[in-house]
Amino acid sequence: MLCRVSSTARHRLGIALIVFGLLTIVVSVLAVCEIANGPGTGPKTFAQSRGYNQTKVDLQRSFPYGMLGGLAGLGITMFGARLAKREPQAPPPA
């Protein structure tokens, strides 16, 4: 037996998955940027700044993980969009 779910419940679940997927994409991008920026917050003096090679190496190491997170978020968003799509209402039988 298949469990039927009402269309409003599917729509709400779809919207929730869309929001979760977009949030996943944003978090992935911010994580890659934070890793490339280096540890610590706030303005840095010249002596504390990171070199080009340090930034490049950290970005290249973190990019595949960020890409996987972004693609996972895109997949979740696309799945949520399919669930959120409402089917047209059939006219009531006469």
PDB file of N, CA and C in Angstrom:
ATOM      1  N   MET A   1       0.836  -1.173   0.000  1.00  0.00           N
ATOM      2  CA  MET A   1       0.000   0.000   0.000  1.00  0.00           C
ATOM      3  C   MET A   1       0.884   1.241   0.000  1.00  0.00           C
ATOM      4  N   LEU A   2       0.493   2.193  -0.804  1.00  0.00           N
ATOM      5  CA  LEU A   2       1.206   3.454  -0.857  1.00  0.00           C
ATOM      6  C   LEU A   2       0.528   4.453   0.055  1.00  0.00           C
ATOM      7  N   CYS A   3       1.327   5.234   0.726  1.00  0.00           N
ATOM      8  CA  CYS A   3       0.798   6.255   1.610  1.00  0.00           C
ATOM      9  C   CYS A   3       0.574   7.525   0.804  1.00  0.00           C
ATOM     10  N   ARG A   4      -0.639   8.012   0.774  1.00  0.00           N
ATOM     11  CA  ARG A   4      -0.965   9.233   0.040  1.00  0.00           C
ATOM     12  C   ARG A   4      -0.739  10.433   0.954  1.00  0.00           C
ATOM     13  N   VAL A   5      -0.129  11.456   0.405  1.00  0.00           N
ATOM     14  CA  VAL A   5       0.109  12.688   1.143  1.00  0.00           C
ATOM     15  C   VAL A   5      -0.679  13.784   0.447  1.00  0.00           C
ATOM     16  N   SER A   6      -1.320  14.638   1.223  1.00  0.00           N
ATOM     17  CA  SER A   6      -2.132  15.686   0.624  1.00  0.00           C
ATOM     18  C   SER A   6      -1.248  16.657  -0.145  1.00  0.00           C
ATOM     19  N   SER A   7      -1.853  17.346  -1.108  1.00  0.00           N
ATOM     20  CA  SER A   7      -1.072  18.249  -1.954  1.00  0.00           C
ATOM     21  C   SER A   7      -0.535  19.441  -1.169  1.00  0.00           C
ATOM     22  N   THR A   8      -1.262  19.883  -0.136  1.00  0.00           N
ATOM     23  CA  THR A   8      -0.740  21.003   0.650  1.00  0.00           C
ATOM     24  C   THR A   8       0.475  20.574   1.469  1.00  0.00           C
ATOM     25  N   ALA A   9       0.478  19.344   1.967  1.00  0.00           N
ATOM     26  CA  ALA A   9       1.633  18.852   2.713  1.00  0.00           C
ATOM     27  C   ALA A   9       2.841  18.708   1.789  1.00  0.00           C
ATOM     28  N   ARG A  10       2.607  18.225   0.567  1.00  0.00           N
ATOM     29  CA  ARG A  10       3.692  18.117  -0.412  1.00  0.00           C
ATOM     30  C   ARG A  10       4.229  19.495  -0.763  1.00  0.00           C
ATOM     31  N   HIS A  11       3.329  20.448  -0.919  1.00  0.00           N
ATOM     32  CA  HIS A  11       3.744  21.807  -1.271  1.00  0.00           C
ATOM     33  C   HIS A  11       4.598  22.413  -0.152  1.00  0.00           C
ATOM     34  N   ARG A  12       4.171  22.241   1.088  1.00  0.00           N
ATOM     35  CA  ARG A  12       4.934  22.768   2.223  1.00  0.00           C
ATOM     36  C   ARG A  12       6.295  22.092   2.342  1.00  0.00           C
ATOM     37  N   LEU A  13       6.328  20.785   2.157  1.00  0.00           N
ATOM     38  CA  LEU A  13       7.593  20.064   2.199  1.00  0.00           C
ATOM     39  C   LEU A  13       8.508  20.535   1.071  1.00  0.00           C
ATOM     40  N   GLY A  14       7.939  20.760  -0.099  1.00  0.00           N
ATOM     41  CA  GLY A  14       8.727  21.246  -1.228  1.00  0.00           C
ATOM     42  C   GLY A  14       9.324  22.613  -0.956  1.00  0.00           C
ATOM     43  N   ILE A  15       8.536  23.515  -0.399  1.00  0.00           N
ATOM     44  CA  ILE A  15       9.039  24.849  -0.062  1.00  0.00           C
ATOM     45  C   ILE A  15      10.142  24.752   0.993  1.00  0.00           C
ATOM     46  N   ALA A  16       9.953  23.895   1.981  1.00  0.00           N
ATOM     47  CA  ALA A  16      10.971  23.715   3.021  1.00  0.00           C
ATOM     48  C   ALA A  16      12.269  23.167   2.422  1.00  0.00           C
ATOM     49  N   LEU A  17      12.168  22.236   1.473  1.00  0.00           N
ATOM     50  CA  LEU A  17      13.363  21.693   0.837  1.00  0.00           C
ATOM     51  C   LEU A  17      14.052  22.738  -0.037  1.00  0.00           C
ATOM     52  N   ILE A  18      13.280  23.595  -0.689  1.00  0.00           N
ATOM     53  CA  ILE A  18      13.871  24.664  -1.497  1.00  0.00           C
ATOM     54  C   ILE A  18      14.682  25.600  -0.600  1.00  0.00           C
ATOM     55  N   VAL A  19      14.108  25.994   0.515  1.00  0.00           N
ATOM     56  CA  VAL A  19      14.805  26.891   1.442  1.00  0.00           C
ATOM     57  C   VAL A  19      16.050  26.213   2.001  1.00  0.00           C
ATOM     58  N   PHE A  20      15.929  24.945   2.368  1.00  0.00           N
ATOM     59  CA  PHE A  20      17.078  24.208   2.903  1.00  0.00           C
ATOM     60  C   PHE A  20      18.178  24.070   1.854  1.00  0.00           C
ATOM     61  N   GLY A  21      17.804  23.807   0.622  1.00  0.00           N
ATOM     62  CA  GLY A  21      18.794  23.685  -0.449  1.00  0.00           C
ATOM     63  C   GLY A  21      19.520  24.990  -0.712  1.00  0.00           C
ATOM     64  N   LEU A  22      18.787  26.095  -0.743  1.00  0.00           N
ATOM     65  CA  LEU A  22      19.421  27.400  -0.943  1.00  0.00           C
ATOM     66  C   LEU A  22      20.341  27.749   0.218  1.00  0.00           C
ATOM     67  N   LEU A  23      19.909  27.418   1.421  1.00  0.00           N
ATOM     68  CA  LEU A  23      20.742  27.653   2.597  1.00  0.00           C
ATOM     69  C   LEU A  23      22.027  26.817   2.532  1.00  0.00           C
ATOM     70  N   THR A  24      21.925  25.604   2.043  1.00  0.00           N
ATOM     71  CA  THR A  24      23.094  24.743   1.885  1.00  0.00           C
ATOM     72  C   THR A  24      24.084  25.340   0.893  1.00  0.00           C
ATOM     73  N   ILE A  25      23.589  25.889  -0.201  1.00  0.00           N
ATOM     74  CA  ILE A  25      24.461  26.516  -1.197  1.00  0.00           C
ATOM     75  C   ILE A  25      25.181  27.716  -0.589  1.00  0.00           C
ATOM     76  N   VAL A  26      24.439  28.559   0.112  1.00  0.00           N
ATOM     77  CA  VAL A  26      25.040  29.762   0.712  1.00  0.00           C
ATOM     78  C   VAL A  26      26.094  29.376   1.748  1.00  0.00           C
ATOM     79  N   VAL A  27      25.805  28.388   2.570  1.00  0.00           N
ATOM     80  CA  VAL A  27      26.768  27.960   3.591  1.00  0.00           C
ATOM     81  C   VAL A  27      28.023  27.386   2.935  1.00  0.00           C
ATOM     82  N   SER A  28      27.878  26.651   1.847  1.00  0.00           N
ATOM     83  CA  SER A  28      29.040  26.091   1.140  1.00  0.00           C
ATOM     84  C   SER A  28      29.931  27.196   0.591  1.00  0.00           C
ATOM     85  N   VAL A  29      29.326  28.200  -0.012  1.00  0.00           N
ATOM     86  CA  VAL A  29      30.108  29.314  -0.566  1.00  0.00           C
ATOM     87  C   VAL A  29      30.812  30.078   0.554  1.00  0.00           C
ATOM     88  N   LEU A  30      30.095  30.350   1.629  1.00  0.00           N
ATOM     89  CA  LEU A  30      30.710  31.076   2.740  1.00  0.00           C
ATOM     90  C   LEU A  30      31.830  30.269   3.400  1.00  0.00           C
ATOM     91  N   ALA A  31      31.688  28.963   3.468  1.00  0.00           N
ATOM     92  CA  ALA A  31      32.733  28.132   4.060  1.00  0.00           C
ATOM     93  C   ALA A  31      34.005  28.185   3.226  1.00  0.00           C
ATOM     94  N   VAL A  32      33.865  28.109   1.905  1.00  0.00           N
ATOM     95  CA  VAL A  32      35.043  28.184   1.034  1.00  0.00           C
ATOM     96  C   VAL A  32      35.703  29.557   1.165  1.00  0.00           C
ATOM     97  N   CYS A  33      34.903  30.608   1.204  1.00  0.00           N
ATOM     98  CA  CYS A  33      35.460  31.965   1.350  1.00  0.00           C
ATOM     99  C   CYS A  33      36.160  32.132   2.696  1.00  0.00           C
ATOM    100  N   GLU A  34      35.593  31.582   3.739  1.00  0.00           N
ATOM    101  CA  GLU A  34      36.193  31.699   5.068  1.00  0.00           C
ATOM    102  C   GLU A  34      37.510  30.937   5.142  1.00  0.00           C
ATOM    103  N   ILE A  35      37.565  29.777   4.532  1.00  0.00           N
ATOM    104  CA  ILE A  35      38.813  29.001   4.538  1.00  0.00           C
ATOM    105  C   ILE A  35      39.892  29.744   3.744  1.00  0.00           C
ATOM    106  N   ALA A  36      39.510  30.333   2.617  1.00  0.00           N
ATOM    107  CA  ALA A  36      40.482  31.077   1.814  1.00  0.00           C
ATOM    108  C   ALA A  36      40.940  32.338   2.534  1.00  0.00           C
ATOM    109  N   ASN A  37      40.072  32.948   3.341  1.00  0.00           N
ATOM    110  CA  ASN A  37      40.412  34.173   4.055  1.00  0.00           C
ATOM    111  C   ASN A  37      41.397  33.919   5.191  1.00  0.00           C
ATOM    112  N   GLY A  38      41.378  32.730   5.733  1.00  0.00           N
ATOM    113  CA  GLY A  38      42.316  32.399   6.803  1.00  0.00           C
ATOM    114  C   GLY A  38      41.695  32.542   8.171  1.00  0.00           C
ATOM    115  N   PRO A  39      42.411  32.083   9.196  1.00  0.00           N
ATOM    116  CA  PRO A  39      41.869  32.122  10.558  1.00  0.00           C
ATOM    117  C   PRO A  39      41.802  33.544  11.096  1.00  0.00           C
ATOM    118  N   GLY A  40      40.862  33.739  12.009  1.00  0.00           N
ATOM    119  CA  GLY A  40      40.739  35.037  12.662  1.00  0.00           C
ATOM    120  C   GLY A  40      39.781  35.959  11.934  1.00  0.00           C
ATOM    121  N   THR A  41      39.340  36.970  12.656  1.00  0.00           N
ATOM    122  CA  THR A  41      38.423  37.930  12.070  1.00  0.00           C
ATOM    123  C   THR A  41      38.993  39.325  12.246  1.00  0.00           C
ATOM    124  N   GLY A  42      38.396  40.278  11.579  1.00  0.00           N
ATOM    125  CA  GLY A  42      38.795  41.667  11.729  1.00  0.00           C
ATOM    126  C   GLY A  42      39.946  42.038  10.817  1.00  0.00           C
ATOM    127  N   PRO A  43      40.264  43.307  10.797  1.00  0.00           N
ATOM    128  CA  PRO A  43      41.361  43.769   9.936  1.00  0.00           C
ATOM    129  C   PRO A  43      42.703  43.244  10.423  1.00  0.00           C
ATOM    130  N   LYS A  44      43.558  42.964   9.475  1.00  0.00           N
ATOM    131  CA  LYS A  44      44.874  42.419   9.792  1.00  0.00           C
ATOM    132  C   LYS A  44      45.950  43.433   9.414  1.00  0.00           C
ATOM    133  N   THR A  45      47.033  43.407  10.161  1.00  0.00           N
ATOM    134  CA  THR A  45      48.167  44.246   9.788  1.00  0.00           C
ATOM    135  C   THR A  45      48.911  43.562   8.650  1.00  0.00           C
ATOM    136  N   PHE A  46      49.842  44.269   8.067  1.00  0.00           N
ATOM    137  CA  PHE A  46      50.581  43.683   6.953  1.00  0.00           C
ATOM    138  C   PHE A  46      51.331  42.429   7.377  1.00  0.00           C
ATOM    139  N   ALA A  47      51.860  42.429   8.592  1.00  0.00           N
ATOM    140  CA  ALA A  47      52.611  41.272   9.076  1.00  0.00           C
ATOM    141  C   ALA A  47      51.703  40.059   9.285  1.00  0.00           C
ATOM    142  N   GLN A  48      50.413  40.294   9.570  1.00  0.00           N
ATOM    143  CA  GLN A  48      49.475  39.190   9.803  1.00  0.00           C
ATOM    144  C   GLN A  48      48.797  38.729   8.526  1.00  0.00           C
ATOM    145  N   SER A  49      48.931  39.458   7.450  1.00  0.00           N
ATOM    146  CA  SER A  49      48.219  39.096   6.222  1.00  0.00           C
ATOM    147  C   SER A  49      48.808  37.829   5.610  1.00  0.00           C
ATOM    148  N   ARG A  50      47.982  37.147   4.864  1.00  0.00           N
ATOM    149  CA  ARG A  50      48.397  35.892   4.237  1.00  0.00           C
ATOM    150  C   ARG A  50      48.946  36.173   2.849  1.00  0.00           C
ATOM    151  N   GLY A  51      49.869  35.363   2.446  1.00  0.00           N
ATOM    152  CA  GLY A  51      50.456  35.508   1.118  1.00  0.00           C
ATOM    153  C   GLY A  51      49.556  34.922   0.039  1.00  0.00           C
ATOM    154  N   TYR A  52      49.877  35.238  -1.198  1.00  0.00           N
ATOM    155  CA  TYR A  52      49.105  34.752  -2.340  1.00  0.00           C
ATOM    156  C   TYR A  52      49.097  33.229  -2.380  1.00  0.00           C
ATOM    157  N   ASN A  53      50.240  32.616  -2.163  1.00  0.00           N
ATOM    158  CA  ASN A  53      50.327  31.161  -2.242  1.00  0.00           C
ATOM    159  C   ASN A  53      49.548  30.481  -1.122  1.00  0.00           C
ATOM    160  N   GLN A  54      49.555  31.050   0.078  1.00  0.00           N
ATOM    161  CA  GLN A  54      48.773  30.475   1.180  1.00  0.00           C
ATOM    162  C   GLN A  54      47.282  30.500   0.844  1.00  0.00           C
ATOM    163  N   THR A  55      46.817  31.623   0.336  1.00  0.00           N
ATOM    164  CA  THR A  55      45.405  31.745  -0.019  1.00  0.00           C
ATOM    165  C   THR A  55      45.043  30.795  -1.147  1.00  0.00           C
ATOM    166  N   LYS A  56      45.909  30.735  -2.157  1.00  0.00           N
ATOM    167  CA  LYS A  56      45.655  29.880  -3.320  1.00  0.00           C
ATOM    168  C   LYS A  56      45.588  28.405  -2.920  1.00  0.00           C
ATOM    169  N   VAL A  57      46.525  27.961  -2.110  1.00  0.00           N
ATOM    170  CA  VAL A  57      46.566  26.549  -1.707  1.00  0.00           C
ATOM    171  C   VAL A  57      45.333  26.200  -0.872  1.00  0.00           C
ATOM    172  N   ASP A  58      44.960  27.068   0.066  1.00  0.00           N
ATOM    173  CA  ASP A  58      43.780  26.786   0.891  1.00  0.00           C
ATOM    174  C   ASP A  58      42.499  26.785   0.058  1.00  0.00           C
ATOM    175  N   LEU A  59      42.414  27.690  -0.902  1.00  0.00           N
ATOM    176  CA  LEU A  59      41.234  27.725  -1.765  1.00  0.00           C
ATOM    177  C   LEU A  59      41.154  26.471  -2.626  1.00  0.00           C
ATOM    178  N   GLN A  60      42.285  26.045  -3.174  1.00  0.00           N
ATOM    179  CA  GLN A  60      42.287  24.849  -4.013  1.00  0.00           C
ATOM    180  C   GLN A  60      41.973  23.595  -3.205  1.00  0.00           C
ATOM    181  N   ARG A  61      42.353  23.559  -1.952  1.00  0.00           N
ATOM    182  CA  ARG A  61      42.039  22.393  -1.114  1.00  0.00           C
ATOM    183  C   ARG A  61      40.570  22.354  -0.701  1.00  0.00           C
ATOM    184  N   SER A  62      39.976  23.524  -0.481  1.00  0.00           N
ATOM    185  CA  SER A  62      38.596  23.552   0.010  1.00  0.00           C
ATOM    186  C   SER A  62      37.559  23.575  -1.106  1.00  0.00           C
ATOM    187  N   PHE A  63      37.959  23.921  -2.333  1.00  0.00           N
ATOM    188  CA  PHE A  63      36.988  24.065  -3.411  1.00  0.00           C
ATOM    189  C   PHE A  63      36.202  22.785  -3.719  1.00  0.00           C
ATOM    190  N   PRO A  64      36.830  21.600  -3.795  1.00  0.00           N
ATOM    191  CA  PRO A  64      36.025  20.402  -4.097  1.00  0.00           C
ATOM    192  C   PRO A  64      34.919  20.142  -3.073  1.00  0.00           C
ATOM    193  N   TYR A  65      35.207  20.396  -1.796  1.00  0.00           N
ATOM    194  CA  TYR A  65      34.182  20.201  -0.769  1.00  0.00           C
ATOM    195  C   TYR A  65      33.064  21.230  -0.906  1.00  0.00           C
ATOM    196  N   GLY A  66      33.444  22.450  -1.212  1.00  0.00           N
ATOM    197  CA  GLY A  66      32.438  23.486  -1.446  1.00  0.00           C
ATOM    198  C   GLY A  66      31.594  23.183  -2.664  1.00  0.00           C
ATOM    199  N   MET A  67      32.214  22.650  -3.701  1.00  0.00           N
ATOM    200  CA  MET A  67      31.484  22.287  -4.920  1.00  0.00           C
ATOM    201  C   MET A  67      30.502  21.152  -4.631  1.00  0.00           C
ATOM    202  N   LEU A  68      30.928  20.165  -3.873  1.00  0.00           N
ATOM    203  CA  LEU A  68      30.023  19.071  -3.512  1.00  0.00           C
ATOM    204  C   LEU A  68      28.851  19.573  -2.679  1.00  0.00           C
ATOM    205  N   GLY A  69      29.135  20.463  -1.738  1.00  0.00           N
ATOM    206  CA  GLY A  69      28.060  21.041  -0.922  1.00  0.00           C
ATOM    207  C   GLY A  69      27.100  21.856  -1.766  1.00  0.00           C
ATOM    208  N   GLY A  70      27.632  22.634  -2.697  1.00  0.00           N
ATOM    209  CA  GLY A  70      26.784  23.433  -3.576  1.00  0.00           C
ATOM    210  C   GLY A  70      25.929  22.577  -4.490  1.00  0.00           C
ATOM    211  N   LEU A  71      26.509  21.517  -5.039  1.00  0.00           N
ATOM    212  CA  LEU A  71      25.734  20.622  -5.907  1.00  0.00           C
ATOM    213  C   LEU A  71      24.674  19.852  -5.119  1.00  0.00           C
ATOM    214  N   ALA A  72      25.002  19.484  -3.884  1.00  0.00           N
ATOM    215  CA  ALA A  72      23.999  18.833  -3.035  1.00  0.00           C
ATOM    216  C   ALA A  72      22.847  19.793  -2.762  1.00  0.00           C
ATOM    217  N   GLY A  73      23.172  21.046  -2.466  1.00  0.00           N
ATOM    218  CA  GLY A  73      22.131  22.052  -2.257  1.00  0.00           C
ATOM    219  C   GLY A  73      21.286  22.269  -3.498  1.00  0.00           C
ATOM    220  N   LEU A  74      21.919  22.258  -4.677  1.00  0.00           N
ATOM    221  CA  LEU A  74      21.175  22.404  -5.921  1.00  0.00           C
ATOM    222  C   LEU A  74      20.233  21.224  -6.136  1.00  0.00           C
ATOM    223  N   GLY A  75      20.701  20.015  -5.843  1.00  0.00           N
ATOM    224  CA  GLY A  75      19.843  18.838  -5.975  1.00  0.00           C
ATOM    225  C   GLY A  75      18.662  18.875  -5.023  1.00  0.00           C
ATOM    226  N   ILE A  76      18.906  19.291  -3.790  1.00  0.00           N
ATOM    227  CA  ILE A  76      17.818  19.402  -2.810  1.00  0.00           C
ATOM    228  C   ILE A  76      16.808  20.447  -3.266  1.00  0.00           C
ATOM    229  N   THR A  77      17.312  21.568  -3.792  1.00  0.00           N
ATOM    230  CA  THR A  77      16.424  22.628  -4.267  1.00  0.00           C
ATOM    231  C   THR A  77      15.579  22.150  -5.446  1.00  0.00           C
ATOM    232  N   MET A  78      16.198  21.442  -6.371  1.00  0.00           N
ATOM    233  CA  MET A  78      15.445  20.946  -7.535  1.00  0.00           C
ATOM    234  C   MET A  78      14.397  19.916  -7.126  1.00  0.00           C
ATOM    235  N   PHE A  79      14.747  19.051  -6.175  1.00  0.00           N
ATOM    236  CA  PHE A  79      13.779  18.069  -5.682  1.00  0.00           C
ATOM    237  C   PHE A  79      12.617  18.765  -4.976  1.00  0.00           C
ATOM    238  N   GLY A  80      12.937  19.798  -4.194  1.00  0.00           N
ATOM    239  CA  GLY A  80      11.896  20.567  -3.523  1.00  0.00           C
ATOM    240  C   GLY A  80      10.992  21.275  -4.510  1.00  0.00           C
ATOM    241  N   ALA A  81      11.565  21.756  -5.614  1.00  0.00           N
ATOM    242  CA  ALA A  81      10.748  22.421  -6.636  1.00  0.00           C
ATOM    243  C   ALA A  81       9.778  21.437  -7.276  1.00  0.00           C
ATOM    244  N   ARG A  82      10.216  20.204  -7.471  1.00  0.00           N
ATOM    245  CA  ARG A  82       9.294  19.190  -8.013  1.00  0.00           C
ATOM    246  C   ARG A  82       8.162  18.885  -7.048  1.00  0.00           C
ATOM    247  N   LEU A  83       8.507  18.800  -5.771  1.00  0.00           N
ATOM    248  CA  LEU A  83       7.460  18.524  -4.784  1.00  0.00           C
ATOM    249  C   LEU A  83       6.506  19.697  -4.626  1.00  0.00           C
ATOM    250  N   ALA A  84       7.035  20.913  -4.738  1.00  0.00           N
ATOM    251  CA  ALA A  84       6.211  22.097  -4.508  1.00  0.00           C
ATOM    252  C   ALA A  84       5.280  22.395  -5.684  1.00  0.00           C
ATOM    253  N   LYS A  85       5.557  21.800  -6.835  1.00  0.00           N
ATOM    254  CA  LYS A  85       4.722  22.055  -7.997  1.00  0.00           C
ATOM    255  C   LYS A  85       3.317  21.511  -7.739  1.00  0.00           C
ATOM    256  N   ARG A  86       2.359  22.359  -7.891  1.00  0.00           N
ATOM    257  CA  ARG A  86       0.976  21.942  -7.642  1.00  0.00           C
ATOM    258  C   ARG A  86       0.357  21.397  -8.921  1.00  0.00           C
ATOM    259  N   GLU A  87      -0.365  20.302  -8.740  1.00  0.00           N
ATOM    260  CA  GLU A  87      -1.089  19.747  -9.881  1.00  0.00           C
ATOM    261  C   GLU A  87      -2.381  20.530 -10.073  1.00  0.00           C
ATOM    262  N   PRO A  88      -2.820  20.683 -11.305  1.00  0.00           N
ATOM    263  CA  PRO A  88      -4.071  21.399 -11.514  1.00  0.00           C
ATOM    264  C   PRO A  88      -5.234  20.634 -10.899  1.00  0.00           C
ATOM    265  N   GLN A  89      -6.164  21.375 -10.341  1.00  0.00           N
ATOM    266  CA  GLN A  89      -7.330  20.770  -9.715  1.00  0.00           C
ATOM    267  C   GLN A  89      -8.286  20.261 -10.792  1.00  0.00           C
ATOM    268  N   ALA A  90      -8.744  19.069 -10.612  1.00  0.00           N
ATOM    269  CA  ALA A  90      -9.733  18.512 -11.545  1.00  0.00           C
ATOM    270  C   ALA A  90     -11.108  19.092 -11.206  1.00  0.00           C
ATOM    271  N   PRO A  91     -11.906  19.385 -12.216  1.00  0.00           N
ATOM    272  CA  PRO A  91     -13.221  19.918 -11.912  1.00  0.00           C
ATOM    273  C   PRO A  91     -14.054  18.864 -11.189  1.00  0.00           C
ATOM    274  N   PRO A  92     -14.935  19.293 -10.269  1.00  0.00           N
ATOM    275  CA  PRO A  92     -15.765  18.324  -9.539  1.00  0.00           C
ATOM    276  C   PRO A  92     -16.699  17.616 -10.500  1.00  0.00           C
ATOM    277  N   PRO A  93     -16.927  16.323 -10.255  1.00  0.00           N
ATOM    278  CA  PRO A  93     -17.844  15.595 -11.143  1.00  0.00           C
ATOM    279  C   PRO A  93     -19.271  16.147 -11.033  1.00  0.00           C
ATOM    280  N   ALA A  94     -19.919  16.204 -12.158  1.00  0.00           N
ATOM    281  CA  ALA A  94     -21.268  16.761 -12.186  1.00  0.00           C
ATOM    282  C   ALA A  94     -22.315  15.707 -11.947  1.00  0.00           C
TER     283      ALA A  94
END
